[in-house]
Amino acid sequence: MSSTRNGLRISVEKLENRKGLTFLIFNVMSPENELSLELIKIVVENCTDFAKKWVEEVYKLKSQKVKSNAWGNVIVLLDVLADRIDNLENQSQEMKKKFGEKLDSPDVSNLIEQAIQAASITKDLEKKEILANLIIHRLEVEEESTESLILRAACEKVHDMNSSQIKVLGILITIEELEDHWHPYFGKENLPSMEEVKNYLISRFRIYKKLNYRELDTNYLESINCCKVTSIQTFLTSKIIPFFVRADNGDDLSGFFDSKSGQSVLKLWVTLGLEYVSLTQVGILIGQHMNDVLANSKSKI
């Protein structure tokens, strides 16, 4: 398994030891980005050492095939984690020191364990990308902060969710963030046309595809405290279509809602009841990271 990121080539080889576990060797060639390499070594090698011991202990009574599959899943998480670190902005010696200190924290160690456990049981790449994001996010926040508590809870919940459930949290975040997207246009002369709005919405929701979601999933998300079902109805049009376009075009919104993206969102919103759903802080955090993964962006979380 190998990847090239910003001139940094990371080769991950799977080698068998006498216990049947695989382990990682990072061959890194990056003469211009030594700090990135140092950060990767500090975090990923720490996680790798822990992961090897964890998989061996937890899966010791399982078959060799099960153990091998679990470790193969964890390897993907570790590779994604290296990718995330390599692409961190504002890398510095201070960040290196801070990350090193945080890795000695029992709370951070527990979150990493939760992420490894969640990764070991799934082949879902997007889920592992979220878990890697949560690890990095935890290394960036202070001990005993509210953010650290929310991150711990979020990591636990990702373990208990499937891909479609996580994506629905992302869709709800996308809908909430559309108001901020349209805000800079308020009061301007060159407003986007309905066609431009339609095309933007289609592209924005297209990333959420292949959803297998039922009303039961909403009930489940509420049971694990990722959302709340209320009696307050939110109208989809008022959320996703800027009022200045609606004012000019009346109710002529069929362009978006006739598209596959629009039909999918409309079904989730009306038929499956998302119009009555609000997210908890944990649901918001997971949804934002899901959004970032699919849109290849980074929110100011």
Protein backbone atom coordinates (compact mmCIF):
# COMPACT_ATOMS: atom_id res chain seq x y z
CA MET A 1 0.00 0.00 0.00
CA SER A 2 1.56 3.30 -0.98
CA SER A 3 0.59 6.87 -1.65
CA THR A 4 2.21 10.11 -2.65
CA ARG A 5 1.15 13.28 -0.88
CA ASN A 6 2.70 16.71 -1.39
CA GLY A 7 6.01 15.19 -2.46
CA LEU A 8 6.04 12.84 0.54
CA ARG A 9 6.09 9.20 -0.48
CA ILE A 10 4.96 6.79 2.20
CA SER A 11 5.31 3.09 1.48
CA VAL A 12 3.46 0.75 3.77
CA GLU A 13 4.56 -2.86 3.56
CA LYS A 14 2.72 -5.72 5.19
CA LEU A 15 5.09 -8.20 6.76
CA GLU A 16 4.18 -11.38 8.60
CA ASN A 17 5.75 -12.14 11.95
CA ARG A 18 5.71 -15.49 13.74
CA LYS A 19 2.40 -14.66 15.42
CA GLY A 20 0.77 -14.04 12.07
CA LEU A 21 0.30 -10.32 12.63
CA THR A 22 1.36 -7.81 10.04
CA PHE A 23 3.21 -4.66 10.91
CA LEU A 24 4.14 -1.46 9.13
CA ILE A 25 7.38 -0.16 7.75
CA PHE A 26 7.32 3.42 6.57
CA ASN A 27 9.90 4.15 3.89
CA VAL A 28 9.78 7.90 3.61
CA MET A 29 11.65 10.05 1.12
CA SER A 30 11.00 13.73 1.72
CA PRO A 31 14.08 15.93 1.81
CA GLU A 32 11.99 19.09 1.83
CA ASN A 33 9.47 18.06 4.47
CA GLU A 34 11.33 16.56 7.39
CA LEU A 35 8.91 18.06 9.93
CA SER A 36 5.98 16.26 8.32
CA LEU A 37 7.94 13.03 8.55
CA GLU A 38 8.72 13.64 12.21
CA LEU A 39 5.04 14.27 12.99
CA ILE A 40 4.05 11.09 11.16
CA LYS A 41 6.61 9.08 13.09
CA ILE A 42 5.49 10.49 16.42
CA VAL A 43 1.78 9.84 15.91
CA VAL A 44 1.50 6.91 13.49
CA GLU A 45 4.30 4.82 14.94
CA ASN A 46 2.82 5.34 18.40
CA CYS A 47 -0.60 4.23 17.13
CA THR A 48 0.95 1.29 15.25
CA ASP A 49 2.71 -0.05 18.33
CA PHE A 50 -0.49 0.23 20.32
CA ALA A 51 -2.61 -1.28 17.54
CA LYS A 52 -0.39 -4.37 17.18
CA LYS A 53 -0.68 -5.11 20.90
CA TRP A 54 -4.40 -4.38 20.93
CA VAL A 55 -5.25 -6.64 17.97
CA GLU A 56 -3.13 -9.46 19.36
CA GLU A 57 -4.85 -9.25 22.76
CA VAL A 58 -8.44 -8.70 21.65
CA TYR A 59 -8.38 -11.25 18.82
CA LYS A 60 -6.24 -13.89 20.53
CA LEU A 61 -9.14 -16.36 20.71
CA LYS A 62 -10.20 -15.73 17.10
CA SER A 63 -9.06 -17.61 14.03
CA GLN A 64 -5.93 -16.50 12.22
CA LYS A 65 -8.07 -15.34 9.30
CA VAL A 66 -10.22 -13.13 11.53
CA LYS A 67 -7.13 -11.67 13.19
CA SER A 68 -5.51 -10.99 9.82
CA ASN A 69 -8.64 -9.29 8.48
CA ALA A 70 -8.91 -7.10 11.58
CA TRP A 71 -5.29 -6.00 11.28
CA GLY A 72 -5.71 -5.34 7.56
CA ASN A 73 -8.57 -2.99 8.40
CA VAL A 74 -6.46 -1.20 11.01
CA ILE A 75 -3.59 -0.74 8.54
CA VAL A 76 -5.88 1.36 6.33
CA LEU A 77 -6.71 3.62 9.29
CA LEU A 78 -3.00 4.10 10.01
CA ASP A 79 -2.27 4.97 6.39
CA VAL A 80 -5.12 7.49 6.33
CA LEU A 81 -3.82 8.95 9.59
CA ALA A 82 -0.40 9.46 7.99
CA ASP A 83 -2.12 11.22 5.11
CA ARG A 84 -4.01 13.53 7.45
CA ILE A 85 -0.85 14.47 9.35
CA ASP A 86 1.08 15.12 6.15
CA ASN A 87 -1.62 17.55 5.04
CA LEU A 88 -1.90 19.44 8.33
CA GLU A 89 -1.59 23.20 7.98
CA ASN A 90 0.80 25.28 10.09
CA GLN A 91 3.12 22.41 10.96
CA SER A 92 5.69 23.49 13.54
CA GLN A 93 8.07 22.23 16.20
CA GLU A 94 5.49 23.42 18.73
CA MET A 95 2.89 21.14 17.13
CA LYS A 96 5.39 18.26 17.25
CA LYS A 97 5.96 18.84 20.97
CA LYS A 98 2.24 19.21 21.66
CA PHE A 99 1.33 16.00 19.82
CA GLY A 100 4.08 14.09 21.60
CA GLU A 101 2.80 15.22 24.98
CA LYS A 102 -0.82 14.47 24.09
CA LEU A 103 0.05 10.90 23.13
CA ASP A 104 1.06 10.30 26.76
CA SER A 105 -2.44 11.28 27.90
CA PRO A 106 -4.65 8.36 29.04
CA ASP A 107 -7.67 10.12 27.54
CA VAL A 108 -6.02 10.41 24.11
CA SER A 109 -4.86 6.81 24.38
CA ASN A 110 -8.42 5.70 25.08
CA LEU A 111 -9.74 7.60 22.05
CA ILE A 112 -7.08 6.00 19.84
CA GLU A 113 -8.11 2.60 21.19
CA GLN A 114 -11.74 3.36 20.34
CA ALA A 115 -10.73 4.37 16.81
CA ILE A 116 -8.66 1.21 16.33
CA GLN A 117 -11.51 -0.93 17.61
CA ALA A 118 -13.98 0.75 15.24
CA ALA A 119 -11.58 0.44 12.28
CA SER A 120 -10.80 -3.23 12.96
CA ILE A 121 -14.35 -4.35 12.21
CA THR A 122 -15.05 -2.48 8.97
CA LYS A 123 -13.71 -2.12 5.43
CA ASP A 124 -15.48 1.25 5.02
CA LEU A 125 -12.78 3.74 3.97
CA GLU A 126 -14.90 6.82 4.67
CA LYS A 127 -15.49 5.64 8.22
CA LYS A 128 -11.74 5.25 8.74
CA GLU A 129 -11.17 8.72 7.32
CA ILE A 130 -13.54 10.12 9.93
CA LEU A 131 -11.78 8.16 12.68
CA ALA A 132 -8.42 9.55 11.54
CA ASN A 133 -9.89 13.05 11.58
CA LEU A 134 -11.15 12.52 15.12
CA ILE A 135 -7.69 11.39 16.31
CA ILE A 136 -6.04 14.49 14.82
CA HIS A 137 -8.79 16.72 16.17
CA ARG A 138 -8.28 15.28 19.66
CA LEU A 139 -4.54 15.95 19.49
CA GLU A 140 -5.36 19.60 18.73
CA VAL A 141 -7.68 20.33 21.68
CA GLU A 142 -6.92 20.78 25.37
CA GLU A 143 -7.27 18.18 28.10
CA GLU A 144 -10.59 18.10 29.96
CA SER A 145 -12.10 20.59 27.53
CA THR A 146 -15.69 20.27 26.37
CA GLU A 147 -14.37 19.59 22.89
CA SER A 148 -12.32 16.64 24.15
CA LEU A 149 -15.43 15.16 25.78
CA ILE A 150 -17.48 15.56 22.59
CA LEU A 151 -14.69 13.95 20.56
CA ARG A 152 -14.53 10.98 22.90
CA ALA A 153 -18.28 10.48 22.61
CA ALA A 154 -18.15 10.91 18.82
CA CYS A 155 -15.51 8.22 18.44
CA GLU A 156 -17.66 5.83 20.46
CA LYS A 157 -20.70 6.57 18.29
CA VAL A 158 -18.88 6.13 14.95
CA HIS A 159 -18.10 2.59 16.10
CA ASP A 160 -21.85 1.98 16.47
CA MET A 161 -23.00 3.52 13.16
CA ASN A 162 -23.13 2.40 9.55
CA SER A 163 -22.11 4.47 6.53
CA SER A 164 -25.61 5.63 5.59
CA GLN A 165 -26.35 6.83 9.12
CA ILE A 166 -23.14 8.85 9.21
CA LYS A 167 -23.87 10.31 5.77
CA VAL A 168 -27.31 11.47 6.85
CA LEU A 169 -25.66 13.45 9.65
CA GLY A 170 -23.45 14.95 6.95
CA ILE A 171 -26.48 15.86 4.83
CA LEU A 172 -28.08 17.65 7.78
CA ILE A 173 -24.85 19.61 8.27
CA THR A 174 -24.73 20.47 4.57
CA ILE A 175 -28.27 21.82 4.73
CA GLU A 176 -27.44 23.92 7.80
CA GLU A 177 -24.30 25.34 6.18
CA LEU A 178 -26.06 26.41 2.98
CA GLU A 179 -27.32 29.56 4.67
CA ASP A 180 -23.71 30.59 5.32
CA HIS A 181 -22.85 29.81 1.70
CA TRP A 182 -25.52 32.14 0.37
CA HIS A 183 -24.99 34.89 2.95
CA PRO A 184 -22.23 36.80 1.06
CA TYR A 185 -24.67 37.35 -1.82
CA PHE A 186 -27.19 39.24 0.33
CA GLY A 187 -27.52 42.84 -0.82
CA LYS A 188 -25.37 42.30 -3.91
CA GLU A 189 -26.39 43.26 -7.43
CA ASN A 190 -25.06 40.20 -9.27
CA LEU A 191 -27.15 37.52 -7.63
CA PRO A 192 -26.92 33.89 -8.75
CA SER A 193 -29.73 32.71 -11.00
CA MET A 194 -32.01 29.80 -10.15
CA GLU A 195 -30.05 27.72 -12.67
CA GLU A 196 -26.80 28.49 -10.88
CA VAL A 197 -28.37 27.69 -7.52
CA LYS A 198 -29.75 24.43 -8.90
CA ASN A 199 -26.38 23.34 -10.30
CA TYR A 200 -24.62 24.20 -7.05
CA LEU A 201 -27.12 22.21 -4.97
CA ILE A 202 -26.88 19.21 -7.29
CA SER A 203 -23.09 19.17 -7.00
CA ARG A 204 -23.23 19.73 -3.24
CA PHE A 205 -25.59 16.81 -2.56
CA ARG A 206 -24.21 14.51 -5.25
CA ILE A 207 -21.43 13.43 -2.88
CA TYR A 208 -24.07 11.75 -0.74
CA LYS A 209 -25.02 8.75 -2.83
CA LYS A 210 -25.88 5.09 -2.32
CA LEU A 211 -27.82 5.72 0.86
CA ASN A 212 -29.77 2.85 2.35
CA TYR A 213 -31.68 4.76 5.01
CA ARG A 214 -34.98 4.05 6.77
CA GLU A 215 -37.01 5.72 9.47
CA LEU A 216 -35.65 3.05 11.81
CA ASP A 217 -32.20 4.60 11.32
CA THR A 218 -33.45 7.94 12.64
CA ASN A 219 -34.84 6.21 15.72
CA TYR A 220 -31.50 4.45 16.18
CA LEU A 221 -29.51 7.69 15.85
CA GLU A 222 -31.76 9.24 18.48
CA SER A 223 -31.21 6.25 20.79
CA ILE A 224 -27.41 6.78 20.67
CA ASN A 225 -27.81 10.54 21.24
CA CYS A 226 -26.72 11.77 17.81
CA CYS A 227 -30.01 13.50 17.05
CA LYS A 228 -33.38 14.43 18.49
CA VAL A 229 -36.78 14.03 16.85
CA THR A 230 -38.90 17.07 17.66
CA SER A 231 -42.39 18.32 16.86
CA ILE A 232 -40.97 21.35 15.07
CA GLN A 233 -41.10 21.08 11.30
CA THR A 234 -38.38 22.70 9.17
CA PHE A 235 -39.23 23.43 5.54
CA LEU A 236 -36.53 22.22 3.17
CA THR A 237 -37.00 25.05 0.68
CA SER A 238 -36.34 27.69 3.32
CA LYS A 239 -33.12 25.91 4.24
CA ILE A 240 -31.48 25.26 0.90
CA ILE A 241 -32.81 27.90 -1.54
CA PRO A 242 -31.68 31.49 -0.79
CA PHE A 243 -34.65 33.78 -0.19
CA PHE A 244 -33.52 36.32 -2.82
CA VAL A 245 -33.80 33.63 -5.52
CA ARG A 246 -37.14 32.39 -4.23
CA ALA A 247 -38.44 35.94 -4.23
CA ASP A 248 -37.53 36.35 -7.90
CA ASN A 249 -38.69 32.93 -9.06
CA GLY A 250 -41.68 32.12 -6.89
CA ASP A 251 -42.00 28.40 -6.33
CA ASP A 252 -40.15 27.38 -9.46
CA LEU A 253 -37.78 24.97 -7.71
CA SER A 254 -38.48 21.92 -9.83
CA GLY A 255 -35.07 22.06 -11.49
CA PHE A 256 -33.30 20.90 -8.37
CA PHE A 257 -36.00 18.63 -6.97
CA ASP A 258 -36.37 16.83 -10.32
CA SER A 259 -32.68 15.88 -10.24
CA LYS A 260 -31.49 12.63 -8.63
CA SER A 261 -29.78 14.60 -5.87
CA GLY A 262 -32.92 16.63 -5.23
CA GLN A 263 -35.19 13.58 -5.18
CA SER A 264 -32.88 11.85 -2.72
CA VAL A 265 -32.79 14.83 -0.35
CA LEU A 266 -36.56 15.36 -0.65
CA LYS A 267 -37.23 11.71 0.22
CA LEU A 268 -35.00 11.91 3.28
CA TRP A 269 -36.52 15.18 4.37
CA VAL A 270 -40.22 14.51 3.91
CA THR A 271 -40.84 10.77 3.54
CA LEU A 272 -38.29 9.68 6.14
CA GLY A 273 -38.91 12.58 8.49
CA LEU A 274 -35.63 14.52 8.62
CA GLU A 275 -37.72 17.70 8.64
CA TYR A 276 -38.35 16.97 12.34
CA VAL A 277 -34.76 16.08 13.24
CA SER A 278 -32.17 18.23 15.00
CA LEU A 279 -28.60 17.18 15.76
CA THR A 280 -26.90 16.94 19.12
CA GLN A 281 -23.37 18.28 19.58
CA VAL A 282 -21.99 14.79 18.96
CA GLY A 283 -24.10 14.41 15.81
CA ILE A 284 -22.94 17.82 14.59
CA LEU A 285 -19.27 16.89 15.04
CA ILE A 286 -19.60 13.56 13.22
CA GLY A 287 -21.64 15.19 10.45
CA GLN A 288 -19.05 17.92 9.96
CA HIS A 289 -16.24 15.41 9.66
CA MET A 290 -18.33 13.31 7.22
CA ASN A 291 -18.92 16.45 5.18
CA ASP A 292 -15.20 17.22 5.15
CA VAL A 293 -14.30 13.69 4.04
CA LEU A 294 -16.73 13.64 1.10
CA ALA A 295 -16.23 17.27 0.04
CA ASN A 296 -12.43 17.07 0.54
CA SER A 297 -12.53 20.16 2.72
CA LYS A 298 -11.79 21.19 6.28
CA SER A 299 -14.41 22.95 8.40
CA LYS A 300 -13.57 25.31 11.21
CA ILE A 301 -14.83 22.87 13.82
